[in-house]
Amino acid sequence: MDIIRIIFAVLLPPLGVFLQVGIGGAFWLNILLTLLGYFPGVIHAVYIIGKK
């Protein structure tokens, strides 16, 4: 299941974070990072998914 989340994290970072933690602080932070730049959002999403 983590492979699918990582694929979603690369394609659409907030979706990958949402699938891992739901709507919370990490999700909103990822949306902000993705809006500021695509790659910071991807890095944060992969970090959140890999942390668990």
PDB file of N, CA and C in Angstrom:
ATOM      1  N   MET A   1       0.819  -1.192   0.000  1.00  0.00           N
ATOM      2  CA  MET A   1       0.000   0.000   0.000  1.00  0.00           C
ATOM      3  C   MET A   1       0.865   1.259   0.000  1.00  0.00           C
ATOM      4  N   ASP A   2       2.050   1.193   0.605  1.00  0.00           N
ATOM      5  CA  ASP A   2       2.918   2.370   0.623  1.00  0.00           C
ATOM      6  C   ASP A   2       3.384   2.747  -0.772  1.00  0.00           C
ATOM      7  N   ILE A   3       3.549   1.771  -1.650  1.00  0.00           N
ATOM      8  CA  ILE A   3       3.968   2.071  -3.022  1.00  0.00           C
ATOM      9  C   ILE A   3       2.910   2.921  -3.714  1.00  0.00           C
ATOM     10  N   ILE A   4       1.648   2.591  -3.515  1.00  0.00           N
ATOM     11  CA  ILE A   4       0.556   3.361  -4.123  1.00  0.00           C
ATOM     12  C   ILE A   4       0.540   4.782  -3.562  1.00  0.00           C
ATOM     13  N   ARG A   5       0.751   4.911  -2.265  1.00  0.00           N
ATOM     14  CA  ARG A   5       0.788   6.247  -1.649  1.00  0.00           C
ATOM     15  C   ARG A   5       1.952   7.064  -2.182  1.00  0.00           C
ATOM     16  N   ILE A   6       3.094   6.440  -2.391  1.00  0.00           N
ATOM     17  CA  ILE A   6       4.253   7.168  -2.914  1.00  0.00           C
ATOM     18  C   ILE A   6       4.000   7.604  -4.355  1.00  0.00           C
ATOM     19  N   ILE A   7       3.339   6.754  -5.139  1.00  0.00           N
ATOM     20  CA  ILE A   7       2.994   7.144  -6.509  1.00  0.00           C
ATOM     21  C   ILE A   7       2.058   8.348  -6.492  1.00  0.00           C
ATOM     22  N   PHE A   8       1.034   8.316  -5.602  1.00  0.00           N
ATOM     23  CA  PHE A   8       0.142   9.464  -5.477  1.00  0.00           C
ATOM     24  C   PHE A   8       0.904  10.691  -4.984  1.00  0.00           C
ATOM     25  N   ALA A   9       1.894  10.490  -4.108  1.00  0.00           N
ATOM     26  CA  ALA A   9       2.671  11.613  -3.578  1.00  0.00           C
ATOM     27  C   ALA A   9       3.476  12.299  -4.674  1.00  0.00           C
ATOM     28  N   VAL A  10       3.941  11.528  -5.641  1.00  0.00           N
ATOM     29  CA  VAL A  10       4.708  12.122  -6.732  1.00  0.00           C
ATOM     30  C   VAL A  10       3.765  12.824  -7.710  1.00  0.00           C
ATOM     31  N   LEU A  11       2.620  12.225  -7.981  1.00  0.00           N
ATOM     32  CA  LEU A  11       1.686  12.819  -8.937  1.00  0.00           C
ATOM     33  C   LEU A  11       0.916  13.992  -8.346  1.00  0.00           C
ATOM     34  N   LEU A  12       0.416  13.826  -7.133  1.00  0.00           N
ATOM     35  CA  LEU A  12      -0.368  14.859  -6.455  1.00  0.00           C
ATOM     36  C   LEU A  12      -0.059  14.776  -4.955  1.00  0.00           C
ATOM     37  N   PRO A  13       0.943  15.527  -4.497  1.00  0.00           N
ATOM     38  CA  PRO A  13       1.438  15.375  -3.129  1.00  0.00           C
ATOM     39  C   PRO A  13       0.377  15.455  -2.019  1.00  0.00           C
ATOM     40  N   PRO A  14      -0.575  16.398  -2.055  1.00  0.00           N
ATOM     41  CA  PRO A  14      -1.551  16.422  -0.964  1.00  0.00           C
ATOM     42  C   PRO A  14      -2.405  15.152  -0.872  1.00  0.00           C
ATOM     43  N   LEU A  15      -2.660  14.513  -1.991  1.00  0.00           N
ATOM     44  CA  LEU A  15      -3.433  13.278  -1.969  1.00  0.00           C
ATOM     45  C   LEU A  15      -2.667  12.170  -1.259  1.00  0.00           C
ATOM     46  N   GLY A  16      -1.377  12.071  -1.515  1.00  0.00           N
ATOM     47  CA  GLY A  16      -0.562  11.069  -0.821  1.00  0.00           C
ATOM     48  C   GLY A  16      -0.548  11.285   0.679  1.00  0.00           C
ATOM     49  N   VAL A  17      -0.433  12.536   1.109  1.00  0.00           N
ATOM     50  CA  VAL A  17      -0.454  12.840   2.541  1.00  0.00           C
ATOM     51  C   VAL A  17      -1.832  12.570   3.125  1.00  0.00           C
ATOM     52  N   PHE A  18      -2.880  12.923   2.401  1.00  0.00           N
ATOM     53  CA  PHE A  18      -4.243  12.677   2.876  1.00  0.00           C
ATOM     54  C   PHE A  18      -4.486  11.187   3.087  1.00  0.00           C
ATOM     55  N   LEU A  19      -4.024  10.356   2.175  1.00  0.00           N
ATOM     56  CA  LEU A  19      -4.208   8.918   2.313  1.00  0.00           C
ATOM     57  C   LEU A  19      -3.443   8.359   3.511  1.00  0.00           C
ATOM     58  N   GLN A  20      -2.351   9.016   3.895  1.00  0.00           N
ATOM     59  CA  GLN A  20      -1.548   8.535   5.022  1.00  0.00           C
ATOM     60  C   GLN A  20      -2.078   9.029   6.360  1.00  0.00           C
ATOM     61  N   VAL A  21      -2.369  10.332   6.477  1.00  0.00           N
ATOM     62  CA  VAL A  21      -2.702  10.900   7.788  1.00  0.00           C
ATOM     63  C   VAL A  21      -4.084  11.525   7.872  1.00  0.00           C
ATOM     64  N   GLY A  22      -4.776  11.678   6.762  1.00  0.00           N
ATOM     65  CA  GLY A  22      -6.083  12.328   6.791  1.00  0.00           C
ATOM     66  C   GLY A  22      -5.917  13.840   6.797  1.00  0.00           C
ATOM     67  N   ILE A  23      -7.016  14.515   7.127  1.00  0.00           N
ATOM     68  CA  ILE A  23      -6.981  15.977   7.162  1.00  0.00           C
ATOM     69  C   ILE A  23      -6.461  16.406   8.529  1.00  0.00           C
ATOM     70  N   GLY A  24      -5.284  16.967   8.519  1.00  0.00           N
ATOM     71  CA  GLY A  24      -4.642  17.425   9.741  1.00  0.00           C
ATOM     72  C   GLY A  24      -3.592  18.446   9.392  1.00  0.00           C
ATOM     73  N   GLY A  25      -2.717  18.708  10.320  1.00  0.00           N
ATOM     74  CA  GLY A  25      -1.685  19.709  10.124  1.00  0.00           C
ATOM     75  C   GLY A  25      -0.744  19.379   8.984  1.00  0.00           C
ATOM     76  N   ALA A  26      -0.350  18.113   8.873  1.00  0.00           N
ATOM     77  CA  ALA A  26       0.574  17.712   7.804  1.00  0.00           C
ATOM     78  C   ALA A  26      -0.076  17.888   6.432  1.00  0.00           C
ATOM     79  N   PHE A  27      -1.364  17.623   6.336  1.00  0.00           N
ATOM     80  CA  PHE A  27      -2.078  17.780   5.066  1.00  0.00           C
ATOM     81  C   PHE A  27      -2.087  19.241   4.631  1.00  0.00           C
ATOM     82  N   TRP A  28      -2.440  20.139   5.542  1.00  0.00           N
ATOM     83  CA  TRP A  28      -2.503  21.562   5.193  1.00  0.00           C
ATOM     84  C   TRP A  28      -1.117  22.128   4.909  1.00  0.00           C
ATOM     85  N   LEU A  29      -0.114  21.652   5.648  1.00  0.00           N
ATOM     86  CA  LEU A  29       1.260  22.081   5.376  1.00  0.00           C
ATOM     87  C   LEU A  29       1.688  21.632   3.987  1.00  0.00           C
ATOM     88  N   ASN A  30       1.295  20.434   3.608  1.00  0.00           N
ATOM     89  CA  ASN A  30       1.657  19.940   2.292  1.00  0.00           C
ATOM     90  C   ASN A  30       0.973  20.729   1.181  1.00  0.00           C
ATOM     91  N   ILE A  31      -0.269  21.112   1.394  1.00  0.00           N
ATOM     92  CA  ILE A  31      -0.939  21.950   0.397  1.00  0.00           C
ATOM     93  C   ILE A  31      -0.196  23.270   0.238  1.00  0.00           C
ATOM     94  N   LEU A  32       0.202  23.873   1.339  1.00  0.00           N
ATOM     95  CA  LEU A  32       0.949  25.124   1.284  1.00  0.00           C
ATOM     96  C   LEU A  32       2.278  24.945   0.558  1.00  0.00           C
ATOM     97  N   LEU A  33       3.004  23.881   0.899  1.00  0.00           N
ATOM     98  CA  LEU A  33       4.288  23.631   0.241  1.00  0.00           C
ATOM     99  C   LEU A  33       4.113  23.359  -1.249  1.00  0.00           C
ATOM    100  N   THR A  34       3.056  22.653  -1.610  1.00  0.00           N
ATOM    101  CA  THR A  34       2.802  22.358  -3.014  1.00  0.00           C
ATOM    102  C   THR A  34       2.460  23.632  -3.783  1.00  0.00           C
ATOM    103  N   LEU A  35       1.723  24.538  -3.154  1.00  0.00           N
ATOM    104  CA  LEU A  35       1.403  25.801  -3.811  1.00  0.00           C
ATOM    105  C   LEU A  35       2.637  26.678  -3.975  1.00  0.00           C
ATOM    106  N   LEU A  36       3.560  26.591  -3.023  1.00  0.00           N
ATOM    107  CA  LEU A  36       4.785  27.383  -3.114  1.00  0.00           C
ATOM    108  C   LEU A  36       5.765  26.808  -4.127  1.00  0.00           C
ATOM    109  N   GLY A  37       5.680  25.516  -4.342  1.00  0.00           N
ATOM    110  CA  GLY A  37       6.559  24.850  -5.309  1.00  0.00           C
ATOM    111  C   GLY A  37       6.252  23.371  -5.300  1.00  0.00           C
ATOM    112  N   TYR A  38       6.234  22.785  -6.455  1.00  0.00           N
ATOM    113  CA  TYR A  38       5.849  21.376  -6.565  1.00  0.00           C
ATOM    114  C   TYR A  38       6.808  20.457  -5.799  1.00  0.00           C
ATOM    115  N   PHE A  39       8.108  20.668  -5.954  1.00  0.00           N
ATOM    116  CA  PHE A  39       9.082  19.757  -5.352  1.00  0.00           C
ATOM    117  C   PHE A  39       9.098  19.789  -3.833  1.00  0.00           C
ATOM    118  N   PRO A  40       8.950  20.938  -3.162  1.00  0.00           N
ATOM    119  CA  PRO A  40       8.847  20.885  -1.698  1.00  0.00           C
ATOM    120  C   PRO A  40       7.645  20.057  -1.232  1.00  0.00           C
ATOM    121  N   GLY A  41       6.542  20.131  -1.973  1.00  0.00           N
ATOM    122  CA  GLY A  41       5.371  19.323  -1.626  1.00  0.00           C
ATOM    123  C   GLY A  41       5.635  17.842  -1.793  1.00  0.00           C
ATOM    124  N   VAL A  42       6.344  17.472  -2.854  1.00  0.00           N
ATOM    125  CA  VAL A  42       6.674  16.060  -3.084  1.00  0.00           C
ATOM    126  C   VAL A  42       7.619  15.550  -2.005  1.00  0.00           C
ATOM    127  N   ILE A  43       8.625  16.321  -1.678  1.00  0.00           N
ATOM    128  CA  ILE A  43       9.581  15.905  -0.647  1.00  0.00           C
ATOM    129  C   ILE A  43       8.878  15.720   0.685  1.00  0.00           C
ATOM    130  N   HIS A  44       8.016  16.652   1.049  1.00  0.00           N
ATOM    131  CA  HIS A  44       7.290  16.550   2.311  1.00  0.00           C
ATOM    132  C   HIS A  44       6.361  15.334   2.307  1.00  0.00           C
ATOM    133  N   ALA A  45       5.684  15.094   1.200  1.00  0.00           N
ATOM    134  CA  ALA A  45       4.760  13.961   1.121  1.00  0.00           C
ATOM    135  C   ALA A  45       5.500  12.635   1.252  1.00  0.00           C
ATOM    136  N   VAL A  46       6.615  12.491   0.562  1.00  0.00           N
ATOM    137  CA  VAL A  46       7.396  11.246   0.660  1.00  0.00           C
ATOM    138  C   VAL A  46       7.940  11.078   2.076  1.00  0.00           C
ATOM    139  N   TYR A  47       8.344  12.159   2.704  1.00  0.00           N
ATOM    140  CA  TYR A  47       8.811  12.102   4.088  1.00  0.00           C
ATOM    141  C   TYR A  47       7.701  11.617   5.024  1.00  0.00           C
ATOM    142  N   ILE A  48       6.510  12.174   4.900  1.00  0.00           N
ATOM    143  CA  ILE A  48       5.389  11.793   5.755  1.00  0.00           C
ATOM    144  C   ILE A  48       5.036  10.322   5.546  1.00  0.00           C
ATOM    145  N   ILE A  49       5.028   9.875   4.304  1.00  0.00           N
ATOM    146  CA  ILE A  49       4.679   8.485   4.022  1.00  0.00           C
ATOM    147  C   ILE A  49       5.785   7.553   4.517  1.00  0.00           C
ATOM    148  N   GLY A  50       7.033   7.917   4.328  1.00  0.00           N
ATOM    149  CA  GLY A  50       8.139   7.075   4.759  1.00  0.00           C
ATOM    150  C   GLY A  50       8.337   7.038   6.266  1.00  0.00           C
ATOM    151  N   LYS A  51       7.852   8.066   6.951  1.00  0.00           N
ATOM    152  CA  LYS A  51       8.030   8.142   8.403  1.00  0.00           C
ATOM    153  C   LYS A  51       7.241   7.077   9.143  1.00  0.00           C
ATOM    154  N   LYS A  52       6.107   6.672   8.613  1.00  0.00           N
ATOM    155  CA  LYS A  52       5.261   5.718   9.336  1.00  0.00           C
ATOM    156  C   LYS A  52       5.567   4.306   9.020  1.00  0.00           C
TER     157      LYS A  52
END
